[in-house]
Amino acid sequence: MLMVAPVIATVSPDETAACGEGASSACLFVYRRTHNDVLARASDWLIARPLKILLIIVLATIASWLLRRVISRFISGVERAAVHPGLGRPGDSSASLMVTSPLGDRAKLRAETLGAVLQSLGRAVIVVIAGLTILSEFDINLGPLLAGAGIVGVAVGFGSQTLVRDFLSGVFMLLEDQFGVGDQIDAGEASGIVEGVSLRTTRLRDVHGTVWHIPNGEIKRIGNKSQEWSRAVLDVMVVHGTDVARAQDVIKAVADAMQEDDEWKGGILDDPEIMGVESIGTTGITLRLSVRTRPGIQIPLQRALRAGITAAFQQEGIQVPSVHPTAPDESAPGVPGVP
C-alpha cells in the first residue's frame, strides 16, 4: 500500500522575521510572492486582522441573539407560571379570579422588566469579552489591564456590598412577584401603596401621604394585601344579653344583600360567612363576619358593611356598646356604630 506523508507547511526564518511569531496566512501569502516586509505587514493589518475583528463581532452578535432567545423563553415560562399557578380545584372561585383579574398584565410587566435587566447584563458581558478579544488582536498586553481591573473590582465590591445586596433582592422580588405597583403592602417599618419598584429601592406611600423609599436589601418580610384575593373581616360587638342567633341572622342578611348589590356584586367572590362568637369581654360579645373579596376593595366594603349593619341593628332594636376600649383602625376590622 502506498503511504502518503502529510505535507507540513513550514515557516522560514525570513518569513518569521517579516510576519512575526504566529504569522497570519495573509502576511505569509504576500511575503512569499513579493518578499517585501512592508507589504506583508500591511496585508496583515489591512486584511487578516479586520477579518478576525469582523468574525469576533459576528460571533458576539450571534451570542447576543441566542442569549435574547434563551431569556425570552425563560421569561415566557415565568409569565405562564405566574398567570396559571394552579390555585384551587377546577371550578373553584380562586381559579376564576386568576382568569378575570389583571394578573396577566401584571405578570407581563414584571416579566418584561426582569427580561430587560437580564438582557442588559448579558449584553454587557458579551461586549466586554468581545472588546478584550479585539484588543488582543492589536497586540495589546491584557495582563496589566486585567490585573488593574481586578483590583478596582475588589475595591468596588467591598464598597458596594449593600448595593449588590439591594440589586439581588430586587431581582428576586421581580422573579417571585412578591409585589407590584399599586399593591398595598406591609414592609415592616413602612406600610402603604407601592408607587414604584426598581432593582435597588421600593417606593411606598402610606395613609398619611408620606413617601417611603426602602432599599430592597432592607426588606426582611412582605405582607401583600392586594395579591390574588383578599378578605374583609368585620368584628361586630353587641351588648350582653343580646340574642346572638338573631344578631347573626341580621348581620348575614345585610352581607347577603350587599353581595347582590350592583356596586359590590363583582367584588365579592364567595357567600359571606358568619364565623360565630369571636370573643366575650366586659363590654359585650364580639361576632365575626368574613367575606372573600377581590384585592383592594376589602376596606371600602368593610365601611359599607358597618353602615348597613348599624342601620339594621337600629331597625331591629339590637344594641351595641356605647364605649369601646380601643380606637377603630381603618386597616383592621371595625365595629358598627363607631365613626
C-alpha atoms as a PDB file:
ATOM      1  CA  MET A   1       0.000   0.000   0.000  1.00  0.00           C
ATOM      2  CA  LEU A   2       1.287   3.411  -0.911  1.00  0.00           C
ATOM      3  CA  MET A   3       1.556   5.682   2.153  1.00  0.00           C
ATOM      4  CA  VAL A   4       1.367   9.425   1.570  1.00  0.00           C
ATOM      5  CA  ALA A   5       3.040  11.518   4.230  1.00  0.00           C
ATOM      6  CA  PRO A   6       1.247  14.730   5.165  1.00  0.00           C
ATOM      7  CA  VAL A   7       2.737  17.937   3.940  1.00  0.00           C
ATOM      8  CA  ILE A   8       3.531  20.278   6.796  1.00  0.00           C
ATOM      9  CA  ALA A   9       3.894  23.901   5.884  1.00  0.00           C
ATOM     10  CA  THR A  10       6.978  25.349   7.471  1.00  0.00           C
ATOM     11  CA  VAL A  11       7.755  28.968   8.129  1.00  0.00           C
ATOM     12  CA  SER A  12      11.271  30.067   7.252  1.00  0.00           C
ATOM     13  CA  PRO A  13      13.292  32.405   9.493  1.00  0.00           C
ATOM     14  CA  ASP A  14      12.886  35.197   6.953  1.00  0.00           C
ATOM     15  CA  GLU A  15       9.127  34.790   6.993  1.00  0.00           C
ATOM     16  CA  THR A  16       9.146  34.789  10.785  1.00  0.00           C
ATOM     17  CA  ALA A  17      11.227  37.942  10.794  1.00  0.00           C
ATOM     18  CA  ALA A  18       8.830  39.600   8.357  1.00  0.00           C
ATOM     19  CA  CYS A  19       5.498  38.468   9.795  1.00  0.00           C
ATOM     20  CA  GLY A  20       6.431  37.602  13.378  1.00  0.00           C
ATOM     21  CA  GLU A  21       5.535  34.612  15.520  1.00  0.00           C
ATOM     22  CA  GLY A  22       2.129  33.165  14.706  1.00  0.00           C
ATOM     23  CA  ALA A  23       2.138  34.817  11.326  1.00  0.00           C
ATOM     24  CA  SER A  24      -1.194  35.108   9.575  1.00  0.00           C
ATOM     25  CA  SER A  25      -1.878  33.387   6.280  1.00  0.00           C
ATOM     26  CA  ALA A  26      -2.358  36.733   4.528  1.00  0.00           C
ATOM     27  CA  CYS A  27       1.063  38.005   5.631  1.00  0.00           C
ATOM     28  CA  LEU A  28       2.819  34.790   4.573  1.00  0.00           C
ATOM     29  CA  PHE A  29       0.966  34.724   1.269  1.00  0.00           C
ATOM     30  CA  VAL A  30       2.032  38.262   0.349  1.00  0.00           C
ATOM     31  CA  TYR A  31       5.614  37.822   1.580  1.00  0.00           C
ATOM     32  CA  ARG A  32       6.146  34.579  -0.325  1.00  0.00           C
ATOM     33  CA  ARG A  33       5.114  36.300  -3.547  1.00  0.00           C
ATOM     34  CA  THR A  34       6.685  39.700  -3.085  1.00  0.00           C
ATOM     35  CA  HIS A  35       9.421  39.189  -0.449  1.00  0.00           C
ATOM     36  CA  ASN A  36       8.513  42.650   0.729  1.00  0.00           C
ATOM     37  CA  ASP A  37       8.291  43.082   4.529  1.00  0.00           C
ATOM     38  CA  VAL A  38       6.239  46.280   4.327  1.00  0.00           C
ATOM     39  CA  LEU A  39       3.596  44.837   2.013  1.00  0.00           C
ATOM     40  CA  ALA A  40       3.403  41.650   4.093  1.00  0.00           C
ATOM     41  CA  ARG A  41       2.815  43.554   7.341  1.00  0.00           C
ATOM     42  CA  ALA A  42       0.365  45.898   5.620  1.00  0.00           C
ATOM     43  CA  SER A  43      -1.642  42.931   4.348  1.00  0.00           C
ATOM     44  CA  ASP A  44      -1.795  41.595   7.887  1.00  0.00           C
ATOM     45  CA  TRP A  45      -3.206  44.900   9.172  1.00  0.00           C
ATOM     46  CA  LEU A  46      -5.488  45.530   6.198  1.00  0.00           C
ATOM     47  CA  ILE A  47      -6.822  42.015   5.583  1.00  0.00           C
ATOM     48  CA  ALA A  48      -6.182  39.448   8.325  1.00  0.00           C
ATOM     49  CA  ARG A  49      -6.885  41.499  11.434  1.00  0.00           C
ATOM     50  CA  PRO A  50     -10.010  43.225  10.082  1.00  0.00           C
ATOM     51  CA  LEU A  51     -11.361  39.806   9.113  1.00  0.00           C
ATOM     52  CA  LYS A  52     -10.676  38.469  12.619  1.00  0.00           C
ATOM     53  CA  ILE A  53     -12.318  41.508  14.192  1.00  0.00           C
ATOM     54  CA  LEU A  54     -15.298  41.095  11.872  1.00  0.00           C
ATOM     55  CA  LEU A  55     -15.534  37.434  12.872  1.00  0.00           C
ATOM     56  CA  ILE A  56     -15.455  38.386  16.563  1.00  0.00           C
ATOM     57  CA  ILE A  57     -18.238  40.933  16.029  1.00  0.00           C
ATOM     58  CA  VAL A  58     -20.328  38.388  14.124  1.00  0.00           C
ATOM     59  CA  LEU A  59     -19.855  35.780  16.872  1.00  0.00           C
ATOM     60  CA  ALA A  60     -20.749  38.351  19.541  1.00  0.00           C
ATOM     61  CA  THR A  61     -23.888  39.281  17.608  1.00  0.00           C
ATOM     62  CA  ILE A  62     -24.899  35.631  17.321  1.00  0.00           C
ATOM     63  CA  ALA A  63     -24.230  35.093  21.032  1.00  0.00           C
ATOM     64  CA  SER A  64     -26.347  38.135  21.887  1.00  0.00           C
ATOM     65  CA  TRP A  65     -29.178  36.851  19.689  1.00  0.00           C
ATOM     66  CA  LEU A  66     -29.033  33.387  21.288  1.00  0.00           C
ATOM     67  CA  LEU A  67     -28.969  34.941  24.756  1.00  0.00           C
ATOM     68  CA  ARG A  68     -32.016  37.047  23.894  1.00  0.00           C
ATOM     69  CA  ARG A  69     -33.880  33.948  22.696  1.00  0.00           C
ATOM     70  CA  VAL A  70     -32.999  31.989  25.836  1.00  0.00           C
ATOM     71  CA  ILE A  71     -34.030  34.849  28.131  1.00  0.00           C
ATOM     72  CA  SER A  72     -37.287  35.336  26.183  1.00  0.00           C
ATOM     73  CA  ARG A  73     -38.166  31.661  26.620  1.00  0.00           C
ATOM     74  CA  PHE A  74     -37.283  31.808  30.306  1.00  0.00           C
ATOM     75  CA  ILE A  75     -39.355  34.958  30.879  1.00  0.00           C
ATOM     76  CA  SER A  76     -42.299  33.431  28.968  1.00  0.00           C
ATOM     77  CA  GLY A  77     -42.149  30.455  31.318  1.00  0.00           C
ATOM     78  CA  VAL A  78     -42.106  32.759  34.342  1.00  0.00           C
ATOM     79  CA  GLU A  79     -45.090  34.666  32.964  1.00  0.00           C
ATOM     80  CA  ARG A  80     -47.095  31.484  32.299  1.00  0.00           C
ATOM     81  CA  ALA A  81     -46.301  30.182  35.779  1.00  0.00           C
ATOM     82  CA  ALA A  82     -47.484  33.460  37.311  1.00  0.00           C
ATOM     83  CA  VAL A  83     -50.739  33.574  35.353  1.00  0.00           C
ATOM     84  CA  HIS A  84     -51.574  29.860  35.844  1.00  0.00           C
ATOM     85  CA  PRO A  85     -50.205  28.862  39.244  1.00  0.00           C
ATOM     86  CA  GLY A  86     -52.839  26.122  39.649  1.00  0.00           C
ATOM     87  CA  LEU A  87     -54.758  27.645  42.520  1.00  0.00           C
ATOM     88  CA  GLY A  88     -57.604  25.591  43.784  1.00  0.00           C
ATOM     89  CA  ARG A  89     -59.624  22.897  42.086  1.00  0.00           C
ATOM     90  CA  PRO A  90     -61.354  23.238  38.696  1.00  0.00           C
ATOM     91  CA  GLY A  91     -64.438  25.360  39.214  1.00  0.00           C
ATOM     92  CA  ASP A  92     -63.058  26.972  42.361  1.00  0.00           C
ATOM     93  CA  SER A  93     -63.670  30.714  42.515  1.00  0.00           C
ATOM     94  CA  SER A  94     -59.944  31.294  43.077  1.00  0.00           C
ATOM     95  CA  ALA A  95     -59.258  29.845  39.639  1.00  0.00           C
ATOM     96  CA  SER A  96     -61.845  32.111  38.036  1.00  0.00           C
ATOM     97  CA  LEU A  97     -60.295  35.026  39.883  1.00  0.00           C
ATOM     98  CA  MET A  98     -56.946  34.316  38.241  1.00  0.00           C
ATOM     99  CA  VAL A  99     -58.572  34.391  34.824  1.00  0.00           C
ATOM    100  CA  THR A 100     -60.594  37.559  35.322  1.00  0.00           C
ATOM    101  CA  SER A 101     -58.084  39.554  37.388  1.00  0.00           C
ATOM    102  CA  PRO A 102     -55.399  41.799  35.837  1.00  0.00           C
ATOM    103  CA  LEU A 103     -52.745  39.291  36.913  1.00  0.00           C
ATOM    104  CA  GLY A 104     -51.868  38.595  33.292  1.00  0.00           C
ATOM    105  CA  ASP A 105     -50.945  42.241  32.671  1.00  0.00           C
ATOM    106  CA  ARG A 106     -49.092  42.337  35.979  1.00  0.00           C
ATOM    107  CA  ALA A 107     -47.093  39.213  35.140  1.00  0.00           C
ATOM    108  CA  LYS A 108     -46.337  40.587  31.669  1.00  0.00           C
ATOM    109  CA  LEU A 109     -44.958  43.852  33.055  1.00  0.00           C
ATOM    110  CA  ARG A 110     -42.900  42.002  35.663  1.00  0.00           C
ATOM    111  CA  ALA A 111     -41.525  39.597  33.061  1.00  0.00           C
ATOM    112  CA  GLU A 112     -40.642  42.446  30.705  1.00  0.00           C
ATOM    113  CA  THR A 113     -38.763  44.274  33.474  1.00  0.00           C
ATOM    114  CA  LEU A 114     -36.858  41.172  34.515  1.00  0.00           C
ATOM    115  CA  GLY A 115     -36.098  40.282  30.892  1.00  0.00           C
ATOM    116  CA  ALA A 116     -34.727  43.755  30.189  1.00  0.00           C
ATOM    117  CA  VAL A 117     -32.422  43.502  33.205  1.00  0.00           C
ATOM    118  CA  LEU A 118     -31.119  40.049  32.263  1.00  0.00           C
ATOM    119  CA  GLN A 119     -30.595  41.060  28.641  1.00  0.00           C
ATOM    120  CA  SER A 120     -28.694  44.179  29.687  1.00  0.00           C
ATOM    121  CA  LEU A 121     -26.406  42.137  31.915  1.00  0.00           C
ATOM    122  CA  GLY A 122     -25.885  39.518  29.217  1.00  0.00           C
ATOM    123  CA  ARG A 123     -25.089  42.123  26.568  1.00  0.00           C
ATOM    124  CA  ALA A 124     -22.614  43.800  28.911  1.00  0.00           C
ATOM    125  CA  VAL A 125     -20.756  40.517  29.477  1.00  0.00           C
ATOM    126  CA  ILE A 126     -20.661  39.751  25.736  1.00  0.00           C
ATOM    127  CA  VAL A 127     -19.435  43.262  24.875  1.00  0.00           C
ATOM    128  CA  VAL A 128     -16.659  43.093  27.478  1.00  0.00           C
ATOM    129  CA  ILE A 129     -15.445  39.688  26.247  1.00  0.00           C
ATOM    130  CA  ALA A 130     -15.595  40.762  22.597  1.00  0.00           C
ATOM    131  CA  GLY A 131     -13.807  44.029  23.385  1.00  0.00           C
ATOM    132  CA  LEU A 132     -10.968  42.275  25.185  1.00  0.00           C
ATOM    133  CA  THR A 133     -10.620  39.794  22.329  1.00  0.00           C
ATOM    134  CA  ILE A 134     -10.454  42.624  19.789  1.00  0.00           C
ATOM    135  CA  LEU A 135      -7.816  44.433  21.856  1.00  0.00           C
ATOM    136  CA  SER A 136      -5.718  41.274  21.887  1.00  0.00           C
ATOM    137  CA  GLU A 137      -5.736  41.339  18.078  1.00  0.00           C
ATOM    138  CA  PHE A 138      -3.844  44.648  18.235  1.00  0.00           C
ATOM    139  CA  ASP A 139      -1.066  43.000  20.264  1.00  0.00           C
ATOM    140  CA  ILE A 140      -2.099  44.845  23.415  1.00  0.00           C
ATOM    141  CA  ASN A 141      -0.944  43.102  26.594  1.00  0.00           C
ATOM    142  CA  LEU A 142      -4.117  42.476  28.552  1.00  0.00           C
ATOM    143  CA  GLY A 143      -2.359  41.203  31.686  1.00  0.00           C
ATOM    144  CA  PRO A 144      -1.831  44.594  33.379  1.00  0.00           C
ATOM    145  CA  LEU A 145      -5.261  45.739  32.229  1.00  0.00           C
ATOM    146  CA  LEU A 146      -6.982  42.687  33.733  1.00  0.00           C
ATOM    147  CA  ALA A 147      -4.918  42.943  36.920  1.00  0.00           C
ATOM    148  CA  GLY A 148      -5.864  46.598  37.339  1.00  0.00           C
ATOM    149  CA  ALA A 149      -9.498  45.848  36.616  1.00  0.00           C
ATOM    150  CA  GLY A 150      -9.391  43.041  39.199  1.00  0.00           C
ATOM    151  CA  ILE A 151      -8.006  45.356  41.872  1.00  0.00           C
ATOM    152  CA  VAL A 152     -10.607  48.001  41.071  1.00  0.00           C
ATOM    153  CA  GLY A 153     -13.325  45.334  41.088  1.00  0.00           C
ATOM    154  CA  VAL A 154     -12.290  44.093  44.532  1.00  0.00           C
ATOM    155  CA  ALA A 155     -12.237  47.648  45.907  1.00  0.00           C
ATOM    156  CA  VAL A 156     -15.616  48.465  44.388  1.00  0.00           C
ATOM    157  CA  GLY A 157     -17.003  45.130  45.609  1.00  0.00           C
ATOM    158  CA  PHE A 158     -16.056  45.868  49.214  1.00  0.00           C
ATOM    159  CA  GLY A 159     -17.537  49.336  48.964  1.00  0.00           C
ATOM    160  CA  SER A 160     -20.766  48.308  47.272  1.00  0.00           C
ATOM    161  CA  GLN A 161     -21.842  45.214  49.192  1.00  0.00           C
ATOM    162  CA  THR A 162     -25.083  46.909  50.196  1.00  0.00           C
ATOM    163  CA  LEU A 163     -25.752  47.942  46.599  1.00  0.00           C
ATOM    164  CA  VAL A 164     -25.200  44.379  45.368  1.00  0.00           C
ATOM    165  CA  ARG A 165     -27.491  43.049  48.104  1.00  0.00           C
ATOM    166  CA  ASP A 166     -30.212  45.534  47.129  1.00  0.00           C
ATOM    167  CA  PHE A 167     -29.792  44.629  43.464  1.00  0.00           C
ATOM    168  CA  LEU A 168     -30.054  40.862  44.064  1.00  0.00           C
ATOM    169  CA  SER A 169     -33.049  41.357  46.364  1.00  0.00           C
ATOM    170  CA  GLY A 170     -34.748  43.428  43.661  1.00  0.00           C
ATOM    171  CA  VAL A 171     -34.145  40.700  41.070  1.00  0.00           C
ATOM    172  CA  PHE A 172     -35.701  38.033  43.303  1.00  0.00           C
ATOM    173  CA  MET A 173     -38.629  40.308  44.180  1.00  0.00           C
ATOM    174  CA  LEU A 174     -39.386  40.674  40.475  1.00  0.00           C
ATOM    175  CA  LEU A 175     -38.786  37.000  39.764  1.00  0.00           C
ATOM    176  CA  GLU A 176     -41.056  35.796  42.584  1.00  0.00           C
ATOM    177  CA  ASP A 177     -43.679  38.532  42.047  1.00  0.00           C
ATOM    178  CA  GLN A 178     -43.718  39.420  45.737  1.00  0.00           C
ATOM    179  CA  PHE A 179     -45.473  42.727  44.998  1.00  0.00           C
ATOM    180  CA  GLY A 180     -46.007  45.244  42.223  1.00  0.00           C
ATOM    181  CA  VAL A 181     -47.003  48.840  41.575  1.00  0.00           C
ATOM    182  CA  GLY A 182     -50.435  49.519  43.052  1.00  0.00           C
ATOM    183  CA  ASP A 183     -50.255  46.785  45.693  1.00  0.00           C
ATOM    184  CA  GLN A 184     -50.955  47.572  49.324  1.00  0.00           C
ATOM    185  CA  ILE A 185     -48.151  46.010  51.340  1.00  0.00           C
ATOM    186  CA  ASP A 186     -46.733  45.878  54.851  1.00  0.00           C
ATOM    187  CA  ALA A 187     -42.939  46.034  54.583  1.00  0.00           C
ATOM    188  CA  GLY A 188     -42.222  46.124  58.310  1.00  0.00           C
ATOM    189  CA  GLU A 189     -41.283  49.660  59.262  1.00  0.00           C
ATOM    190  CA  ALA A 190     -43.404  51.152  56.474  1.00  0.00           C
ATOM    191  CA  SER A 191     -46.781  50.206  55.014  1.00  0.00           C
ATOM    192  CA  GLY A 192     -48.751  51.653  52.145  1.00  0.00           C
ATOM    193  CA  ILE A 193     -49.392  51.603  48.415  1.00  0.00           C
ATOM    194  CA  VAL A 194     -46.474  50.685  46.159  1.00  0.00           C
ATOM    195  CA  GLU A 195     -45.780  53.569  43.781  1.00  0.00           C
ATOM    196  CA  GLY A 196     -42.551  52.336  42.243  1.00  0.00           C
ATOM    197  CA  VAL A 197     -40.269  49.308  42.212  1.00  0.00           C
ATOM    198  CA  SER A 198     -36.688  49.344  40.946  1.00  0.00           C
ATOM    199  CA  LEU A 199     -33.839  46.902  41.328  1.00  0.00           C
ATOM    200  CA  ARG A 200     -32.455  48.975  44.199  1.00  0.00           C
ATOM    201  CA  THR A 201     -35.385  50.514  46.068  1.00  0.00           C
ATOM    202  CA  THR A 202     -39.123  50.254  46.607  1.00  0.00           C
ATOM    203  CA  ARG A 203     -41.225  53.423  46.944  1.00  0.00           C
ATOM    204  CA  LEU A 204     -44.319  53.369  49.197  1.00  0.00           C
ATOM    205  CA  ARG A 205     -46.909  55.997  50.101  1.00  0.00           C
ATOM    206  CA  ASP A 206     -48.627  55.469  53.455  1.00  0.00           C
ATOM    207  CA  VAL A 207     -52.127  56.541  54.536  1.00  0.00           C
ATOM    208  CA  HIS A 208     -50.793  59.929  55.694  1.00  0.00           C
ATOM    209  CA  GLY A 209     -49.292  60.675  52.278  1.00  0.00           C
ATOM    210  CA  THR A 210     -45.685  60.139  53.359  1.00  0.00           C
ATOM    211  CA  VAL A 211     -43.470  58.612  50.669  1.00  0.00           C
ATOM    212  CA  TRP A 212     -41.075  55.925  51.903  1.00  0.00           C
ATOM    213  CA  HIS A 213     -38.005  54.848  49.915  1.00  0.00           C
ATOM    214  CA  ILE A 214     -36.913  51.425  51.165  1.00  0.00           C
ATOM    215  CA  PRO A 215     -33.723  49.695  49.931  1.00  0.00           C
ATOM    216  CA  ASN A 216     -34.714  46.241  48.723  1.00  0.00           C
ATOM    217  CA  GLY A 217     -31.986  44.610  50.798  1.00  0.00           C
ATOM    218  CA  GLU A 218     -33.537  46.062  53.965  1.00  0.00           C
ATOM    219  CA  ILE A 219     -36.925  44.416  53.377  1.00  0.00           C
ATOM    220  CA  LYS A 220     -36.959  41.279  55.528  1.00  0.00           C
ATOM    221  CA  ARG A 221     -40.588  40.292  55.021  1.00  0.00           C
ATOM    222  CA  ILE A 222     -43.539  41.429  52.915  1.00  0.00           C
ATOM    223  CA  GLY A 223     -47.247  41.285  53.683  1.00  0.00           C
ATOM    224  CA  ASN A 224     -49.152  41.807  50.421  1.00  0.00           C
ATOM    225  CA  LYS A 225     -52.795  42.777  50.880  1.00  0.00           C
ATOM    226  CA  SER A 226     -53.550  43.085  47.167  1.00  0.00           C
ATOM    227  CA  GLN A 227     -52.442  39.838  45.572  1.00  0.00           C
ATOM    228  CA  GLU A 228     -54.887  37.351  44.023  1.00  0.00           C
ATOM    229  CA  TRP A 229     -57.706  37.822  46.574  1.00  0.00           C
ATOM    230  CA  SER A 230     -58.369  39.426  49.925  1.00  0.00           C
ATOM    231  CA  ARG A 231     -60.771  39.108  52.824  1.00  0.00           C
ATOM    232  CA  ALA A 232     -62.964  41.625  54.597  1.00  0.00           C
ATOM    233  CA  VAL A 233     -63.186  40.611  58.262  1.00  0.00           C
ATOM    234  CA  LEU A 234     -65.631  42.510  60.430  1.00  0.00           C
ATOM    235  CA  ASP A 235     -65.873  42.144  64.209  1.00  0.00           C
ATOM    236  CA  VAL A 236     -69.307  43.308  65.375  1.00  0.00           C
ATOM    237  CA  MET A 237     -69.821  43.877  69.098  1.00  0.00           C
ATOM    238  CA  VAL A 238     -73.228  43.646  70.761  1.00  0.00           C
ATOM    239  CA  VAL A 239     -74.146  44.154  74.420  1.00  0.00           C
ATOM    240  CA  HIS A 240     -74.502  41.287  76.845  1.00  0.00           C
ATOM    241  CA  GLY A 241     -77.975  39.754  76.852  1.00  0.00           C
ATOM    242  CA  THR A 242     -78.406  40.109  73.072  1.00  0.00           C
ATOM    243  CA  ASP A 243     -79.935  37.175  71.208  1.00  0.00           C
ATOM    244  CA  VAL A 244     -76.747  36.040  69.445  1.00  0.00           C
ATOM    245  CA  ALA A 245     -78.559  33.926  66.841  1.00  0.00           C
ATOM    246  CA  ARG A 246     -80.818  36.823  65.900  1.00  0.00           C
ATOM    247  CA  ALA A 247     -77.888  39.251  65.701  1.00  0.00           C
ATOM    248  CA  GLN A 248     -76.006  36.821  63.442  1.00  0.00           C
ATOM    249  CA  ASP A 249     -79.045  36.492  61.168  1.00  0.00           C
ATOM    250  CA  VAL A 250     -79.259  40.278  60.840  1.00  0.00           C
ATOM    251  CA  ILE A 251     -75.532  40.552  60.026  1.00  0.00           C
ATOM    252  CA  LYS A 252     -75.791  37.736  57.477  1.00  0.00           C
ATOM    253  CA  ALA A 253     -78.843  39.330  55.841  1.00  0.00           C
ATOM    254  CA  VAL A 254     -77.019  42.643  55.446  1.00  0.00           C
ATOM    255  CA  ALA A 255     -73.946  40.923  53.948  1.00  0.00           C
ATOM    256  CA  ASP A 256     -76.091  38.818  51.559  1.00  0.00           C
ATOM    257  CA  ALA A 257     -77.914  41.949  50.392  1.00  0.00           C
ATOM    258  CA  MET A 258     -74.552  43.626  49.842  1.00  0.00           C
ATOM    259  CA  GLN A 259     -73.469  40.675  47.711  1.00  0.00           C
ATOM    260  CA  GLU A 260     -76.460  41.166  45.402  1.00  0.00           C
ATOM    261  CA  ASP A 261     -75.940  44.923  45.169  1.00  0.00           C
ATOM    262  CA  ASP A 262     -74.659  46.017  41.758  1.00  0.00           C
ATOM    263  CA  GLU A 263     -71.890  48.069  43.369  1.00  0.00           C
ATOM    264  CA  TRP A 264     -70.346  45.077  45.142  1.00  0.00           C
ATOM    265  CA  LYS A 265     -71.543  42.075  43.143  1.00  0.00           C
ATOM    266  CA  GLY A 266     -68.360  41.786  41.089  1.00  0.00           C
ATOM    267  CA  GLY A 267     -66.084  42.273  44.082  1.00  0.00           C
ATOM    268  CA  ILE A 268     -67.462  39.666  46.483  1.00  0.00           C
ATOM    269  CA  LEU A 269     -66.164  36.248  45.447  1.00  0.00           C
ATOM    270  CA  ASP A 270     -67.923  33.892  47.895  1.00  0.00           C
ATOM    271  CA  ASP A 271     -71.034  33.902  50.043  1.00  0.00           C
ATOM    272  CA  PRO A 272     -70.472  35.912  53.250  1.00  0.00           C
ATOM    273  CA  GLU A 273     -69.753  33.669  56.211  1.00  0.00           C
ATOM    274  CA  ILE A 274     -70.652  34.204  59.863  1.00  0.00           C
ATOM    275  CA  MET A 275     -67.744  32.807  61.859  1.00  0.00           C
ATOM    276  CA  GLY A 276     -69.673  32.916  65.153  1.00  0.00           C
ATOM    277  CA  VAL A 277     -68.753  34.359  68.522  1.00  0.00           C
ATOM    278  CA  GLU A 278     -65.185  35.627  68.357  1.00  0.00           C
ATOM    279  CA  SER A 279     -64.823  36.761  71.965  1.00  0.00           C
ATOM    280  CA  ILE A 280     -66.724  37.669  75.122  1.00  0.00           C
ATOM    281  CA  GLY A 281     -65.477  40.703  77.003  1.00  0.00           C
ATOM    282  CA  THR A 282     -66.520  43.093  79.717  1.00  0.00           C
ATOM    283  CA  THR A 283     -68.101  45.464  77.213  1.00  0.00           C
ATOM    284  CA  GLY A 284     -70.001  42.947  75.111  1.00  0.00           C
ATOM    285  CA  ILE A 285     -69.998  39.943  72.772  1.00  0.00           C
ATOM    286  CA  THR A 286     -67.996  40.085  69.542  1.00  0.00           C
ATOM    287  CA  LEU A 287     -69.369  38.369  66.422  1.00  0.00           C
ATOM    288  CA  ARG A 288     -67.195  37.890  63.358  1.00  0.00           C
ATOM    289  CA  LEU A 289     -68.191  38.200  59.697  1.00  0.00           C
ATOM    290  CA  SER A 290     -65.835  37.093  56.904  1.00  0.00           C
ATOM    291  CA  VAL A 291     -66.218  37.964  53.198  1.00  0.00           C
ATOM    292  CA  ARG A 292     -63.729  36.940  50.482  1.00  0.00           C
ATOM    293  CA  THR A 293     -63.221  39.785  48.000  1.00  0.00           C
ATOM    294  CA  ARG A 294     -61.110  40.990  45.135  1.00  0.00           C
ATOM    295  CA  PRO A 295     -57.914  42.776  46.197  1.00  0.00           C
ATOM    296  CA  GLY A 296     -58.224  46.413  47.152  1.00  0.00           C
ATOM    297  CA  ILE A 297     -61.948  46.610  47.935  1.00  0.00           C
ATOM    298  CA  GLN A 298     -61.941  44.979  51.371  1.00  0.00           C
ATOM    299  CA  ILE A 299     -61.645  48.255  53.293  1.00  0.00           C
ATOM    300  CA  PRO A 300     -64.412  50.124  51.363  1.00  0.00           C
ATOM    301  CA  LEU A 301     -66.568  47.001  51.747  1.00  0.00           C
ATOM    302  CA  GLN A 302     -65.944  46.987  55.496  1.00  0.00           C
ATOM    303  CA  ARG A 303     -67.111  50.606  55.711  1.00  0.00           C
ATOM    304  CA  ALA A 304     -70.245  49.810  53.730  1.00  0.00           C
ATOM    305  CA  LEU A 305     -70.962  46.758  55.908  1.00  0.00           C
ATOM    306  CA  ARG A 306     -70.543  48.818  59.080  1.00  0.00           C
ATOM    307  CA  ALA A 307     -73.055  51.360  57.838  1.00  0.00           C
ATOM    308  CA  GLY A 308     -75.528  48.681  56.731  1.00  0.00           C
ATOM    309  CA  ILE A 309     -75.231  46.644  59.944  1.00  0.00           C
ATOM    310  CA  THR A 310     -75.579  49.762  62.097  1.00  0.00           C
ATOM    311  CA  ALA A 311     -78.808  50.729  60.313  1.00  0.00           C
ATOM    312  CA  ALA A 312     -80.160  47.163  60.549  1.00  0.00           C
ATOM    313  CA  PHE A 313     -79.326  46.946  64.274  1.00  0.00           C
ATOM    314  CA  GLN A 314     -81.148  50.214  64.927  1.00  0.00           C
ATOM    315  CA  GLN A 315     -84.168  48.954  62.998  1.00  0.00           C
ATOM    316  CA  GLU A 316     -84.170  45.616  64.844  1.00  0.00           C
ATOM    317  CA  GLY A 317     -83.502  47.169  68.251  1.00  0.00           C
ATOM    318  CA  ILE A 318     -80.156  45.383  68.719  1.00  0.00           C
ATOM    319  CA  GLN A 319     -77.848  47.417  70.948  1.00  0.00           C
ATOM    320  CA  VAL A 320     -74.100  47.873  70.652  1.00  0.00           C
ATOM    321  CA  PRO A 321     -71.784  49.013  73.471  1.00  0.00           C
ATOM    322  CA  SER A 322     -71.502  52.780  73.721  1.00  0.00           C
ATOM    323  CA  VAL A 323     -67.866  52.723  74.843  1.00  0.00           C
ATOM    324  CA  HIS A 324     -65.041  50.630  73.384  1.00  0.00           C
ATOM    325  CA  PRO A 325     -61.595  50.051  74.892  1.00  0.00           C
ATOM    326  CA  THR A 326     -59.719  50.611  71.629  1.00  0.00           C
ATOM    327  CA  ALA A 327     -59.943  53.156  68.834  1.00  0.00           C
ATOM    328  CA  PRO A 328     -61.043  51.961  65.408  1.00  0.00           C
ATOM    329  CA  ASP A 329     -58.389  51.190  62.789  1.00  0.00           C
ATOM    330  CA  GLU A 330     -59.202  51.722  59.110  1.00  0.00           C
ATOM    331  CA  SER A 331     -56.869  48.901  58.139  1.00  0.00           C
ATOM    332  CA  ALA A 332     -58.351  46.429  60.645  1.00  0.00           C
ATOM    333  CA  PRO A 333     -61.860  45.021  61.227  1.00  0.00           C
ATOM    334  CA  GLY A 334     -64.152  47.579  62.806  1.00  0.00           C
ATOM    335  CA  VAL A 335     -67.300  47.763  64.876  1.00  0.00           C
ATOM    336  CA  PRO A 336     -70.630  49.161  63.717  1.00  0.00           C
ATOM    337  CA  GLY A 337     -71.690  52.302  65.460  1.00  0.00           C
ATOM    338  CA  VAL A 338     -68.159  53.660  65.748  1.00  0.00           C
ATOM    339  CA  PRO A 339     -67.241  56.506  63.321  1.00  0.00           C
END
